[in-house]
Amino acid sequence: MTAPNTLLPKTITSKTTPLVLTTTWATVVANPASSNKVVQIKGLLVSNSSNAGLTVSIRVQRAGYGGTAEYLLVPSGSVSAGGCAAALPTGEELRLEEGDSLQAKILTGTGGTIFCTHNVTG
């Protein structure tokens, strides 16, 4: 990876990506290989529009380094009926390197949506 200049970047693009969750892993945000960028995850919220509890799992999938590795960020997080939960504490950041992706899925329940606020710097 060619490390981008995060002190004097060419551009910083802020985005919020919503994704309706299912019971299979889905990519919320990806940083493509050879992008020469870094993705800073600034916030993760999971909402539950159903009238029953919801359990979700969130992971970082890292490509390269001799294969693909998966790291659970939230192994099993609960969201109450009609509620919302922060999956990343306020003030914390998660950075995705080139080839990394943030993924999520429902373990139990229905009606989950994840919202990912992030900056793309490069």
PDB file of N, CA and C in Angstrom:
ATOM      1  N   MET A   1       0.842  -1.181   0.000  1.00  0.00           N
ATOM      2  CA  MET A   1       0.000   0.000   0.000  1.00  0.00           C
ATOM      3  C   MET A   1       0.877   1.230   0.000  1.00  0.00           C
ATOM      4  N   THR A   2       0.546   2.157  -0.860  1.00  0.00           N
ATOM      5  CA  THR A   2       1.171   3.461  -0.824  1.00  0.00           C
ATOM      6  C   THR A   2       0.387   4.291   0.167  1.00  0.00           C
ATOM      7  N   ALA A   3       1.027   4.678   1.244  1.00  0.00           N
ATOM      8  CA  ALA A   3       0.317   5.405   2.292  1.00  0.00           C
ATOM      9  C   ALA A   3      -0.060   6.804   1.812  1.00  0.00           C
ATOM     10  N   PRO A   4      -1.339   7.165   1.913  1.00  0.00           N
ATOM     11  CA  PRO A   4      -1.739   8.518   1.537  1.00  0.00           C
ATOM     12  C   PRO A   4      -1.240   9.523   2.570  1.00  0.00           C
ATOM     13  N   ASN A   5      -1.060  10.748   2.143  1.00  0.00           N
ATOM     14  CA  ASN A   5      -0.648  11.818   3.037  1.00  0.00           C
ATOM     15  C   ASN A   5      -1.889  12.270   3.810  1.00  0.00           C
ATOM     16  N   THR A   6      -1.992  11.867   5.074  1.00  0.00           N
ATOM     17  CA  THR A   6      -3.170  12.230   5.861  1.00  0.00           C
ATOM     18  C   THR A   6      -3.021  13.589   6.537  1.00  0.00           C
ATOM     19  N   LEU A   7      -1.819  14.173   6.494  1.00  0.00           N
ATOM     20  CA  LEU A   7      -1.633  15.509   7.060  1.00  0.00           C
ATOM     21  C   LEU A   7      -1.995  16.596   6.060  1.00  0.00           C
ATOM     22  N   LEU A   8      -1.630  16.380   4.802  1.00  0.00           N
ATOM     23  CA  LEU A   8      -1.965  17.324   3.737  1.00  0.00           C
ATOM     24  C   LEU A   8      -2.587  16.555   2.565  1.00  0.00           C
ATOM     25  N   PRO A   9      -3.773  15.995   2.774  1.00  0.00           N
ATOM     26  CA  PRO A   9      -4.374  15.174   1.718  1.00  0.00           C
ATOM     27  C   PRO A   9      -4.853  16.010   0.538  1.00  0.00           C
ATOM     28  N   LYS A  10      -4.923  15.372  -0.625  1.00  0.00           N
ATOM     29  CA  LYS A  10      -5.471  16.040  -1.806  1.00  0.00           C
ATOM     30  C   LYS A  10      -6.960  16.280  -1.620  1.00  0.00           C
ATOM     31  N   THR A  11      -7.661  15.246  -1.154  1.00  0.00           N
ATOM     32  CA  THR A  11      -9.104  15.371  -0.939  1.00  0.00           C
ATOM     33  C   THR A  11      -9.538  14.568   0.285  1.00  0.00           C
ATOM     34  N   ILE A  12     -10.583  15.053   0.923  1.00  0.00           N
ATOM     35  CA  ILE A  12     -11.267  14.311   1.981  1.00  0.00           C
ATOM     36  C   ILE A  12     -12.750  14.360   1.625  1.00  0.00           C
ATOM     37  N   THR A  13     -13.337  13.206   1.410  1.00  0.00           N
ATOM     38  CA  THR A  13     -14.748  13.114   1.062  1.00  0.00           C
ATOM     39  C   THR A  13     -15.484  12.450   2.206  1.00  0.00           C
ATOM     40  N   SER A  14     -16.478  13.127   2.760  1.00  0.00           N
ATOM     41  CA  SER A  14     -17.278  12.578   3.859  1.00  0.00           C
ATOM     42  C   SER A  14     -18.557  11.967   3.304  1.00  0.00           C
ATOM     43  N   LYS A  15     -18.895  10.780   3.823  1.00  0.00           N
ATOM     44  CA  LYS A  15     -20.071  10.067   3.323  1.00  0.00           C
ATOM     45  C   LYS A  15     -20.798   9.385   4.474  1.00  0.00           C
ATOM     46  N   THR A  16     -22.085   9.123   4.278  1.00  0.00           N
ATOM     47  CA  THR A  16     -22.854   8.245   5.157  1.00  0.00           C
ATOM     48  C   THR A  16     -23.482   7.186   4.278  1.00  0.00           C
ATOM     49  N   THR A  17     -23.200   5.927   4.599  1.00  0.00           N
ATOM     50  CA  THR A  17     -23.684   4.806   3.811  1.00  0.00           C
ATOM     51  C   THR A  17     -24.685   3.997   4.633  1.00  0.00           C
ATOM     52  N   PRO A  18     -25.952   3.944   4.205  1.00  0.00           N
ATOM     53  CA  PRO A  18     -26.915   3.061   4.867  1.00  0.00           C
ATOM     54  C   PRO A  18     -26.973   1.725   4.135  1.00  0.00           C
ATOM     55  N   LEU A  19     -27.214   0.642   4.878  1.00  0.00           N
ATOM     56  CA  LEU A  19     -27.341  -0.675   4.272  1.00  0.00           C
ATOM     57  C   LEU A  19     -28.359  -1.483   5.065  1.00  0.00           C
ATOM     58  N   VAL A  20     -29.379  -1.996   4.380  1.00  0.00           N
ATOM     59  CA  VAL A  20     -30.352  -2.887   5.010  1.00  0.00           C
ATOM     60  C   VAL A  20     -29.675  -4.241   5.191  1.00  0.00           C
ATOM     61  N   LEU A  21     -29.725  -4.750   6.416  1.00  0.00           N
ATOM     62  CA  LEU A  21     -29.021  -5.981   6.742  1.00  0.00           C
ATOM     63  C   LEU A  21     -29.866  -7.222   6.488  1.00  0.00           C
ATOM     64  N   THR A  22     -29.188  -8.316   6.131  1.00  0.00           N
ATOM     65  CA  THR A  22     -29.810  -9.625   5.964  1.00  0.00           C
ATOM     66  C   THR A  22     -29.001 -10.632   6.780  1.00  0.00           C
ATOM     67  N   THR A  23     -29.293 -11.902   6.621  1.00  0.00           N
ATOM     68  CA  THR A  23     -28.589 -12.940   7.384  1.00  0.00           C
ATOM     69  C   THR A  23     -27.301 -13.411   6.706  1.00  0.00           C
ATOM     70  N   THR A  24     -26.903 -12.762   5.625  1.00  0.00           N
ATOM     71  CA  THR A  24     -25.622 -13.074   4.987  1.00  0.00           C
ATOM     72  C   THR A  24     -24.718 -11.851   5.072  1.00  0.00           C
ATOM     73  N   TRP A  25     -23.408 -12.088   5.143  1.00  0.00           N
ATOM     74  CA  TRP A  25     -22.454 -10.981   5.225  1.00  0.00           C
ATOM     75  C   TRP A  25     -22.591 -10.086   3.999  1.00  0.00           C
ATOM     76  N   ALA A  26     -22.650  -8.781   4.239  1.00  0.00           N
ATOM     77  CA  ALA A  26     -22.725  -7.794   3.158  1.00  0.00           C
ATOM     78  C   ALA A  26     -21.720  -6.692   3.450  1.00  0.00           C
ATOM     79  N   THR A  27     -21.121  -6.158   2.411  1.00  0.00           N
ATOM     80  CA  THR A  27     -20.131  -5.096   2.565  1.00  0.00           C
ATOM     81  C   THR A  27     -20.821  -3.756   2.759  1.00  0.00           C
ATOM     82  N   VAL A  28     -20.495  -3.104   3.853  1.00  0.00           N
ATOM     83  CA  VAL A  28     -21.030  -1.778   4.158  1.00  0.00           C
ATOM     84  C   VAL A  28     -20.157  -0.720   3.472  1.00  0.00           C
ATOM     85  N   VAL A  29     -18.848  -0.819   3.673  1.00  0.00           N
ATOM     86  CA  VAL A  29     -17.880   0.102   3.076  1.00  0.00           C
ATOM     87  C   VAL A  29     -16.639  -0.705   2.718  1.00  0.00           C
ATOM     88  N   ALA A  30     -16.063  -0.423   1.551  1.00  0.00           N
ATOM     89  CA  ALA A  30     -14.833  -1.092   1.134  1.00  0.00           C
ATOM     90  C   ALA A  30     -13.810  -0.064   0.695  1.00  0.00           C
ATOM     91  N   ASN A  31     -12.545  -0.379   0.923  1.00  0.00           N
ATOM     92  CA  ASN A  31     -11.442   0.413   0.410  1.00  0.00           C
ATOM     93  C   ASN A  31     -10.720  -0.473  -0.599  1.00  0.00           C
ATOM     94  N   PRO A  32     -10.920  -0.223  -1.897  1.00  0.00           N
ATOM     95  CA  PRO A  32     -10.359  -1.105  -2.920  1.00  0.00           C
ATOM     96  C   PRO A  32      -8.833  -1.189  -2.854  1.00  0.00           C
ATOM     97  N   ALA A  33      -8.316  -2.336  -3.266  1.00  0.00           N
ATOM     98  CA  ALA A  33      -6.869  -2.515  -3.354  1.00  0.00           C
ATOM     99  C   ALA A  33      -6.300  -1.479  -4.328  1.00  0.00           C
ATOM    100  N   SER A  34      -5.125  -0.984  -4.051  1.00  0.00           N
ATOM    101  CA  SER A  34      -4.421   0.003  -4.889  1.00  0.00           C
ATOM    102  C   SER A  34      -5.177   1.318  -5.031  1.00  0.00           C
ATOM    103  N   SER A  35      -5.992   1.670  -4.049  1.00  0.00           N
ATOM    104  CA  SER A  35      -6.757   2.921  -4.121  1.00  0.00           C
ATOM    105  C   SER A  35      -5.915   4.134  -3.748  1.00  0.00           C
ATOM    106  N   ASN A  36      -4.817   3.904  -3.040  1.00  0.00           N
ATOM    107  CA  ASN A  36      -3.994   5.000  -2.504  1.00  0.00           C
ATOM    108  C   ASN A  36      -4.818   5.912  -1.596  1.00  0.00           C
ATOM    109  N   LYS A  37      -5.777   5.305  -0.880  1.00  0.00           N
ATOM    110  CA  LYS A  37      -6.643   6.056   0.023  1.00  0.00           C
ATOM    111  C   LYS A  37      -6.768   5.316   1.342  1.00  0.00           C
ATOM    112  N   VAL A  38      -7.231   6.026   2.332  1.00  0.00           N
ATOM    113  CA  VAL A  38      -7.583   5.410   3.602  1.00  0.00           C
ATOM    114  C   VAL A  38      -9.031   5.802   3.898  1.00  0.00           C
ATOM    115  N   VAL A  39      -9.799   4.854   4.427  1.00  0.00           N
ATOM    116  CA  VAL A  39     -11.186   5.108   4.802  1.00  0.00           C
ATOM    117  C   VAL A  39     -11.240   5.157   6.321  1.00  0.00           C
ATOM    118  N   GLN A  40     -11.670   6.295   6.847  1.00  0.00           N
ATOM    119  CA  GLN A  40     -11.797   6.475   8.296  1.00  0.00           C
ATOM    120  C   GLN A  40     -13.265   6.318   8.672  1.00  0.00           C
ATOM    121  N   ILE A  41     -13.568   5.242   9.413  1.00  0.00           N
ATOM    122  CA  ILE A  41     -14.926   5.035   9.895  1.00  0.00           C
ATOM    123  C   ILE A  41     -15.094   5.914  11.126  1.00  0.00           C
ATOM    124  N   LYS A  42     -16.015   6.864  11.057  1.00  0.00           N
ATOM    125  CA  LYS A  42     -16.225   7.834  12.133  1.00  0.00           C
ATOM    126  C   LYS A  42     -17.421   7.474  13.017  1.00  0.00           C
ATOM    127  N   GLY A  43     -18.368   6.699  12.483  1.00  0.00           N
ATOM    128  CA  GLY A  43     -19.546   6.337  13.255  1.00  0.00           C
ATOM    129  C   GLY A  43     -20.251   5.134  12.652  1.00  0.00           C
ATOM    130  N   LEU A  44     -20.773   4.277  13.528  1.00  0.00           N
ATOM    131  CA  LEU A  44     -21.552   3.112  13.109  1.00  0.00           C
ATOM    132  C   LEU A  44     -22.796   3.025  13.981  1.00  0.00           C
ATOM    133  N   LEU A  45     -23.957   3.124  13.369  1.00  0.00           N
ATOM    134  CA  LEU A  45     -25.233   2.986  14.084  1.00  0.00           C
ATOM    135  C   LEU A  45     -26.024   1.858  13.457  1.00  0.00           C
ATOM    136  N   VAL A  46     -26.660   1.059  14.301  1.00  0.00           N
ATOM    137  CA  VAL A  46     -27.545   0.006  13.813  1.00  0.00           C
ATOM    138  C   VAL A  46     -28.948   0.306  14.340  1.00  0.00           C
ATOM    139  N   SER A  47     -29.910   0.410  13.429  1.00  0.00           N
ATOM    140  CA  SER A  47     -31.293   0.665  13.828  1.00  0.00           C
ATOM    141  C   SER A  47     -32.117  -0.602  13.632  1.00  0.00           C
ATOM    142  N   ASN A  48     -33.205  -0.693  14.385  1.00  0.00           N
ATOM    143  CA  ASN A  48     -34.102  -1.842  14.321  1.00  0.00           C
ATOM    144  C   ASN A  48     -35.517  -1.326  14.109  1.00  0.00           C
ATOM    145  N   SER A  49     -36.072  -1.554  12.931  1.00  0.00           N
ATOM    146  CA  SER A  49     -37.419  -1.069  12.620  1.00  0.00           C
ATOM    147  C   SER A  49     -38.504  -2.094  12.966  1.00  0.00           C
ATOM    148  N   SER A  50     -38.110  -3.239  13.508  1.00  0.00           N
ATOM    149  CA  SER A  50     -39.099  -4.275  13.831  1.00  0.00           C
ATOM    150  C   SER A  50     -39.617  -4.111  15.263  1.00  0.00           C
ATOM    151  N   ASN A  51     -40.617  -4.897  15.606  1.00  0.00           N
ATOM    152  CA  ASN A  51     -41.167  -4.851  16.964  1.00  0.00           C
ATOM    153  C   ASN A  51     -40.616  -5.993  17.832  1.00  0.00           C
ATOM    154  N   ALA A  52     -39.472  -6.536  17.427  1.00  0.00           N
ATOM    155  CA  ALA A  52     -38.789  -7.584  18.199  1.00  0.00           C
ATOM    156  C   ALA A  52     -37.292  -7.270  18.235  1.00  0.00           C
ATOM    157  N   GLY A  53     -36.586  -7.860  19.162  1.00  0.00           N
ATOM    158  CA  GLY A  53     -35.149  -7.639  19.281  1.00  0.00           C
ATOM    159  C   GLY A  53     -34.377  -8.113  18.056  1.00  0.00           C
ATOM    160  N   LEU A  54     -33.189  -7.596  17.910  1.00  0.00           N
ATOM    161  CA  LEU A  54     -32.335  -7.867  16.763  1.00  0.00           C
ATOM    162  C   LEU A  54     -30.916  -8.092  17.265  1.00  0.00           C
ATOM    163  N   THR A  55     -30.215  -9.057  16.684  1.00  0.00           N
ATOM    164  CA  THR A  55     -28.813  -9.294  17.011  1.00  0.00           C
ATOM    165  C   THR A  55     -28.010  -9.234  15.721  1.00  0.00           C
ATOM    166  N   VAL A  56     -26.915  -8.466  15.730  1.00  0.00           N
ATOM    167  CA  VAL A  56     -26.097  -8.292  14.535  1.00  0.00           C
ATOM    168  C   VAL A  56     -24.641  -8.615  14.837  1.00  0.00           C
ATOM    169  N   SER A  57     -23.892  -8.845  13.766  1.00  0.00           N
ATOM    170  CA  SER A  57     -22.452  -9.043  13.857  1.00  0.00           C
ATOM    171  C   SER A  57     -21.795  -8.136  12.826  1.00  0.00           C
ATOM    172  N   ILE A  58     -20.660  -7.540  13.207  1.00  0.00           N
ATOM    173  CA  ILE A  58     -19.934  -6.621  12.327  1.00  0.00           C
ATOM    174  C   ILE A  58     -18.463  -7.034  12.344  1.00  0.00           C
ATOM    175  N   ARG A  59     -17.852  -7.081  11.156  1.00  0.00           N
ATOM    176  CA  ARG A  59     -16.447  -7.496  11.063  1.00  0.00           C
ATOM    177  C   ARG A  59     -15.679  -6.643  10.056  1.00  0.00           C
ATOM    178  N   VAL A  60     -14.363  -6.709  10.173  1.00  0.00           N
ATOM    179  CA  VAL A  60     -13.462  -6.137   9.172  1.00  0.00           C
ATOM    180  C   VAL A  60     -12.837  -7.315   8.450  1.00  0.00           C
ATOM    181  N   GLN A  61     -12.924  -7.293   7.130  1.00  0.00           N
ATOM    182  CA  GLN A  61     -12.268  -8.315   6.332  1.00  0.00           C
ATOM    183  C   GLN A  61     -11.042  -7.671   5.703  1.00  0.00           C
ATOM    184  N   ARG A  62      -9.893  -8.272   5.946  1.00  0.00           N
ATOM    185  CA  ARG A  62      -8.617  -7.716   5.485  1.00  0.00           C
ATOM    186  C   ARG A  62      -8.022  -8.642   4.438  1.00  0.00           C
ATOM    187  N   ALA A  63      -7.799  -8.102   3.249  1.00  0.00           N
ATOM    188  CA  ALA A  63      -7.193  -8.871   2.168  1.00  0.00           C
ATOM    189  C   ALA A  63      -5.680  -8.669   2.183  1.00  0.00           C
ATOM    190  N   GLY A  64      -4.990  -9.567   1.528  1.00  0.00           N
ATOM    191  CA  GLY A  64      -3.532  -9.485   1.479  1.00  0.00           C
ATOM    192  C   GLY A  64      -2.904 -10.195   2.656  1.00  0.00           C
ATOM    193  N   TYR A  65      -1.670  -9.887   2.918  1.00  0.00           N
ATOM    194  CA  TYR A  65      -0.949 -10.487   4.044  1.00  0.00           C
ATOM    195  C   TYR A  65      -1.035 -12.009   4.009  1.00  0.00           C
ATOM    196  N   GLY A  66      -0.923 -12.614   2.818  1.00  0.00           N
ATOM    197  CA  GLY A  66      -0.938 -14.061   2.695  1.00  0.00           C
ATOM    198  C   GLY A  66      -2.320 -14.673   2.679  1.00  0.00           C
ATOM    199  N   GLY A  67      -3.347 -13.917   2.363  1.00  0.00           N
ATOM    200  CA  GLY A  67      -4.716 -14.446   2.317  1.00  0.00           C
ATOM    201  C   GLY A  67      -5.708 -13.420   2.808  1.00  0.00           C
ATOM    202  N   THR A  68      -6.864 -13.890   3.230  1.00  0.00           N
ATOM    203  CA  THR A  68      -7.903 -13.017   3.755  1.00  0.00           C
ATOM    204  C   THR A  68      -8.124 -13.344   5.222  1.00  0.00           C
ATOM    205  N   ALA A  69      -8.129 -12.326   6.046  1.00  0.00           N
ATOM    206  CA  ALA A  69      -8.376 -12.506   7.481  1.00  0.00           C
ATOM    207  C   ALA A  69      -9.637 -11.741   7.861  1.00  0.00           C
ATOM    208  N   GLU A  70     -10.361 -12.268   8.839  1.00  0.00           N
ATOM    209  CA  GLU A  70     -11.587 -11.636   9.310  1.00  0.00           C
ATOM    210  C   GLU A  70     -11.451 -11.334  10.789  1.00  0.00           C
ATOM    211  N   TYR A  71     -11.808 -10.105  11.173  1.00  0.00           N
ATOM    212  CA  TYR A  71     -11.706  -9.666  12.556  1.00  0.00           C
ATOM    213  C   TYR A  71     -13.073  -9.159  13.010  1.00  0.00           C
ATOM    214  N   LEU A  72     -13.629  -9.782  14.035  1.00  0.00           N
ATOM    215  CA  LEU A  72     -14.945  -9.383  14.524  1.00  0.00           C
ATOM    216  C   LEU A  72     -14.837  -8.102  15.349  1.00  0.00           C
ATOM    217  N   LEU A  73     -15.534  -7.090  14.913  1.00  0.00           N
ATOM    218  CA  LEU A  73     -15.624  -5.835  15.645  1.00  0.00           C
ATOM    219  C   LEU A  73     -16.748  -5.930  16.675  1.00  0.00           C
ATOM    220  N   VAL A  74     -17.877  -6.446  16.253  1.00  0.00           N
ATOM    221  CA  VAL A  74     -19.022  -6.710  17.137  1.00  0.00           C
ATOM    222  C   VAL A  74     -19.438  -8.160  16.879  1.00  0.00           C
ATOM    223  N   PRO A  75     -19.025  -9.096  17.734  1.00  0.00           N
ATOM    224  CA  PRO A  75     -19.388 -10.500  17.503  1.00  0.00           C
ATOM    225  C   PRO A  75     -20.895 -10.746  17.563  1.00  0.00           C
ATOM    226  N   SER A  76     -21.567 -10.125  18.539  1.00  0.00           N
ATOM    227  CA  SER A  76     -23.001 -10.346  18.719  1.00  0.00           C
ATOM    228  C   SER A  76     -23.581  -9.163  19.489  1.00  0.00           C
ATOM    229  N   GLY A  77     -24.081  -8.178  18.750  1.00  0.00           N
ATOM    230  CA  GLY A  77     -24.619  -6.968  19.375  1.00  0.00           C
ATOM    231  C   GLY A  77     -26.131  -6.923  19.305  1.00  0.00           C
ATOM    232  N   SER A  78     -26.766  -6.543  20.410  1.00  0.00           N
ATOM    233  CA  SER A  78     -28.232  -6.507  20.485  1.00  0.00           C
ATOM    234  C   SER A  78     -28.768  -5.093  20.265  1.00  0.00           C
ATOM    235  N   VAL A  79     -29.889  -5.029  19.542  1.00  0.00           N
ATOM    236  CA  VAL A  79     -30.613  -3.772  19.339  1.00  0.00           C
ATOM    237  C   VAL A  79     -32.066  -4.044  19.704  1.00  0.00           C
ATOM    238  N   SER A  80     -32.594  -3.276  20.638  1.00  0.00           N
ATOM    239  CA  SER A  80     -33.964  -3.498  21.105  1.00  0.00           C
ATOM    240  C   SER A  80     -34.980  -3.137  20.016  1.00  0.00           C
ATOM    241  N   ALA A  81     -36.187  -3.639  20.167  1.00  0.00           N
ATOM    242  CA  ALA A  81     -37.260  -3.371  19.217  1.00  0.00           C
ATOM    243  C   ALA A  81     -37.453  -1.871  19.050  1.00  0.00           C
ATOM    244  N   GLY A  82     -37.465  -1.409  17.810  1.00  0.00           N
ATOM    245  CA  GLY A  82     -37.646   0.003  17.528  1.00  0.00           C
ATOM    246  C   GLY A  82     -36.498   0.882  17.974  1.00  0.00           C
ATOM    247  N   GLY A  83     -35.367   0.287  18.319  1.00  0.00           N
ATOM    248  CA  GLY A  83     -34.247   1.045  18.881  1.00  0.00           C
ATOM    249  C   GLY A  83     -33.090   1.252  17.918  1.00  0.00           C
ATOM    250  N   CYS A  84     -32.057   1.848  18.466  1.00  0.00           N
ATOM    251  CA  CYS A  84     -30.839   2.156  17.718  1.00  0.00           C
ATOM    252  C   CYS A  84     -29.664   1.973  18.671  1.00  0.00           C
ATOM    253  N   ALA A  85     -28.548   1.443  18.168  1.00  0.00           N
ATOM    254  CA  ALA A  85     -27.369   1.231  19.006  1.00  0.00           C
ATOM    255  C   ALA A  85     -26.121   1.655  18.254  1.00  0.00           C
ATOM    256  N   ALA A  86     -25.191   2.289  18.984  1.00  0.00           N
ATOM    257  CA  ALA A  86     -23.903   2.671  18.410  1.00  0.00           C
ATOM    258  C   ALA A  86     -22.970   1.472  18.469  1.00  0.00           C
ATOM    259  N   ALA A  87     -22.390   1.120  17.328  1.00  0.00           N
ATOM    260  CA  ALA A  87     -21.456  -0.010  17.271  1.00  0.00           C
ATOM    261  C   ALA A  87     -20.011   0.459  17.397  1.00  0.00           C
ATOM    262  N   LEU A  88     -19.792   1.757  17.343  1.00  0.00           N
ATOM    263  CA  LEU A  88     -18.465   2.347  17.494  1.00  0.00           C
ATOM    264  C   LEU A  88     -18.605   3.488  18.495  1.00  0.00           C
ATOM    265  N   PRO A  89     -17.888   3.422  19.615  1.00  0.00           N
ATOM    266  CA  PRO A  89     -18.034   4.474  20.633  1.00  0.00           C
ATOM    267  C   PRO A  89     -17.734   5.866  20.075  1.00  0.00           C
ATOM    268  N   THR A  90     -18.434   6.864  20.581  1.00  0.00           N
ATOM    269  CA  THR A  90     -18.231   8.249  20.164  1.00  0.00           C
ATOM    270  C   THR A  90     -16.777   8.639  20.366  1.00  0.00           C
ATOM    271  N   GLY A  91     -16.203   9.259  19.355  1.00  0.00           N
ATOM    272  CA  GLY A  91     -14.810   9.701  19.433  1.00  0.00           C
ATOM    273  C   GLY A  91     -13.806   8.674  18.950  1.00  0.00           C
ATOM    274  N   GLU A  92     -14.241   7.443  18.760  1.00  0.00           N
ATOM    275  CA  GLU A  92     -13.341   6.395  18.252  1.00  0.00           C
ATOM    276  C   GLU A  92     -13.398   6.372  16.728  1.00  0.00           C
ATOM    277  N   GLU A  93     -12.318   5.901  16.112  1.00  0.00           N
ATOM    278  CA  GLU A  93     -12.251   5.753  14.666  1.00  0.00           C
ATOM    279  C   GLU A  93     -11.727   4.375  14.315  1.00  0.00           C
ATOM    280  N   LEU A  94     -12.112   3.914  13.167  1.00  0.00           N
ATOM    281  CA  LEU A  94     -11.607   2.672  12.625  1.00  0.00           C
ATOM    282  C   LEU A  94     -11.114   2.996  11.223  1.00  0.00           C
ATOM    283  N   ARG A  95      -9.918   2.568  10.886  1.00  0.00           N
ATOM    284  CA  ARG A  95      -9.361   2.878   9.568  1.00  0.00           C
ATOM    285  C   ARG A  95      -9.270   1.621   8.728  1.00  0.00           C
ATOM    286  N   LEU A  96      -9.755   1.728   7.513  1.00  0.00           N
ATOM    287  CA  LEU A  96      -9.663   0.637   6.559  1.00  0.00           C
ATOM    288  C   LEU A  96      -8.517   0.919   5.599  1.00  0.00           C
ATOM    289  N   GLU A  97      -7.563  -0.004   5.555  1.00  0.00           N
ATOM    290  CA  GLU A  97      -6.458   0.097   4.612  1.00  0.00           C
ATOM    291  C   GLU A  97      -6.917  -0.404   3.253  1.00  0.00           C
ATOM    292  N   GLU A  98      -6.043  -0.283   2.262  1.00  0.00           N
ATOM    293  CA  GLU A  98      -6.372  -0.784   0.933  1.00  0.00           C
ATOM    294  C   GLU A  98      -6.666  -2.282   0.992  1.00  0.00           C
ATOM    295  N   GLY A  99      -7.748  -2.689   0.369  1.00  0.00           N
ATOM    296  CA  GLY A  99      -8.138  -4.089   0.344  1.00  0.00           C
ATOM    297  C   GLY A  99      -9.029  -4.501   1.506  1.00  0.00           C
ATOM    298  N   ASP A 100      -9.255  -3.599   2.468  1.00  0.00           N
ATOM    299  CA  ASP A 100     -10.109  -3.911   3.624  1.00  0.00           C
ATOM    300  C   ASP A 100     -11.572  -3.591   3.316  1.00  0.00           C
ATOM    301  N   SER A 101     -12.465  -4.292   4.003  1.00  0.00           N
ATOM    302  CA  SER A 101     -13.890  -3.957   3.917  1.00  0.00           C
ATOM    303  C   SER A 101     -14.541  -4.140   5.276  1.00  0.00           C
ATOM    304  N   LEU A 102     -15.566  -3.344   5.522  1.00  0.00           N
ATOM    305  CA  LEU A 102     -16.391  -3.445   6.724  1.00  0.00           C
ATOM    306  C   LEU A 102     -17.655  -4.175   6.317  1.00  0.00           C
ATOM    307  N   GLN A 103     -17.995  -5.255   7.032  1.00  0.00           N
ATOM    308  CA  GLN A 103     -19.136  -6.075   6.677  1.00  0.00           C
ATOM    309  C   GLN A 103     -20.039  -6.289   7.883  1.00  0.00           C
ATOM    310  N   ALA A 104     -21.306  -6.566   7.614  1.00  0.00           N
ATOM    311  CA  ALA A 104     -22.269  -6.776   8.698  1.00  0.00           C
ATOM    312  C   ALA A 104     -23.340  -7.766   8.262  1.00  0.00           C
ATOM    313  N   LYS A 105     -23.985  -8.397   9.255  1.00  0.00           N
ATOM    314  CA  LYS A 105     -25.111  -9.284   8.985  1.00  0.00           C
ATOM    315  C   LYS A 105     -25.975  -9.410  10.233  1.00  0.00           C
ATOM    316  N   ILE A 106     -27.208  -9.871  10.024  1.00  0.00           N
ATOM    317  CA  ILE A 106     -28.134 -10.151  11.121  1.00  0.00           C
ATOM    318  C   ILE A 106     -27.895 -11.583  11.595  1.00  0.00           C
ATOM    319  N   LEU A 107     -27.818 -11.759  12.899  1.00  0.00           N
ATOM    320  CA  LEU A 107     -27.735 -13.104  13.474  1.00  0.00           C
ATOM    321  C   LEU A 107     -29.131 -13.618  13.825  1.00  0.00           C
ATOM    322  N   THR A 108     -29.936 -12.757  14.466  1.00  0.00           N
ATOM    323  CA  THR A 108     -31.322 -13.111  14.782  1.00  0.00           C
ATOM    324  C   THR A 108     -32.203 -11.886  14.580  1.00  0.00           C
ATOM    325  N   GLY A 109     -33.441 -12.110  14.136  1.00  0.00           N
ATOM    326  CA  GLY A 109     -34.382 -11.013  13.954  1.00  0.00           C
ATOM    327  C   GLY A 109     -34.412 -10.507  12.526  1.00  0.00           C
ATOM    328  N   THR A 110     -35.162  -9.416  12.335  1.00  0.00           N
ATOM    329  CA  THR A 110     -35.293  -8.767  11.020  1.00  0.00           C
ATOM    330  C   THR A 110     -35.386  -7.259  11.255  1.00  0.00           C
ATOM    331  N   GLY A 111     -35.314  -6.501  10.178  1.00  0.00           N
ATOM    332  CA  GLY A 111     -35.543  -5.060  10.259  1.00  0.00           C
ATOM    333  C   GLY A 111     -34.329  -4.233  10.607  1.00  0.00           C
ATOM    334  N   GLY A 112     -33.127  -4.779  10.418  1.00  0.00           N
ATOM    335  CA  GLY A 112     -31.917  -4.038  10.772  1.00  0.00           C
ATOM    336  C   GLY A 112     -31.343  -3.228   9.619  1.00  0.00           C
ATOM    337  N   THR A 113     -30.890  -2.023   9.934  1.00  0.00           N
ATOM    338  CA  THR A 113     -30.183  -1.171   8.986  1.00  0.00           C
ATOM    339  C   THR A 113     -28.953  -0.624   9.682  1.00  0.00           C
ATOM    340  N   ILE A 114     -27.815  -0.656   8.996  1.00  0.00           N
ATOM    341  CA  ILE A 114     -26.597  -0.080   9.542  1.00  0.00           C
ATOM    342  C   ILE A 114     -26.299   1.212   8.795  1.00  0.00           C
ATOM    343  N   PHE A 115     -25.853   2.225   9.537  1.00  0.00           N
ATOM    344  CA  PHE A 115     -25.455   3.507   8.980  1.00  0.00           C
ATOM    345  C   PHE A 115     -23.978   3.714   9.309  1.00  0.00           C
ATOM    346  N   CYS A 116     -23.175   3.908   8.281  1.00  0.00           N
ATOM    347  CA  CYS A 116     -21.741   4.085   8.462  1.00  0.00           C
ATOM    348  C   CYS A 116     -21.340   5.469   7.975  1.00  0.00           C
ATOM    349  N   THR A 117     -20.857   6.303   8.889  1.00  0.00           N
ATOM    350  CA  THR A 117     -20.336   7.621   8.538  1.00  0.00           C
ATOM    351  C   THR A 117     -18.822   7.485   8.407  1.00  0.00           C
ATOM    352  N   HIS A 118     -18.291   7.918   7.270  1.00  0.00           N
ATOM    353  CA  HIS A 118     -16.860   7.738   7.039  1.00  0.00           C
ATOM    354  C   HIS A 118     -16.281   8.822   6.139  1.00  0.00           C
ATOM    355  N   ASN A 119     -14.965   8.981   6.248  1.00  0.00           N
ATOM    356  CA  ASN A 119     -14.203   9.880   5.384  1.00  0.00           C
ATOM    357  C   ASN A 119     -13.292   9.054   4.503  1.00  0.00           C
ATOM    358  N   VAL A 120     -13.184   9.454   3.242  1.00  0.00           N
ATOM    359  CA  VAL A 120     -12.224   8.842   2.323  1.00  0.00           C
ATOM    360  C   VAL A 120     -11.147   9.881   2.093  1.00  0.00           C
ATOM    361  N   THR A 121      -9.900   9.531   2.478  1.00  0.00           N
ATOM    362  CA  THR A 121      -8.792  10.469   2.400  1.00  0.00           C
ATOM    363  C   THR A 121      -7.751   9.928   1.415  1.00  0.00           C
ATOM    364  N   GLY A 122      -7.326  10.811   0.524  1.00  0.00           N
ATOM    365  CA  GLY A 122      -6.300  10.386  -0.433  1.00  0.00           C
ATOM    366  C   GLY A 122      -5.825  11.504  -1.296  1.00  0.00           C
TER     367      GLY A 122
END
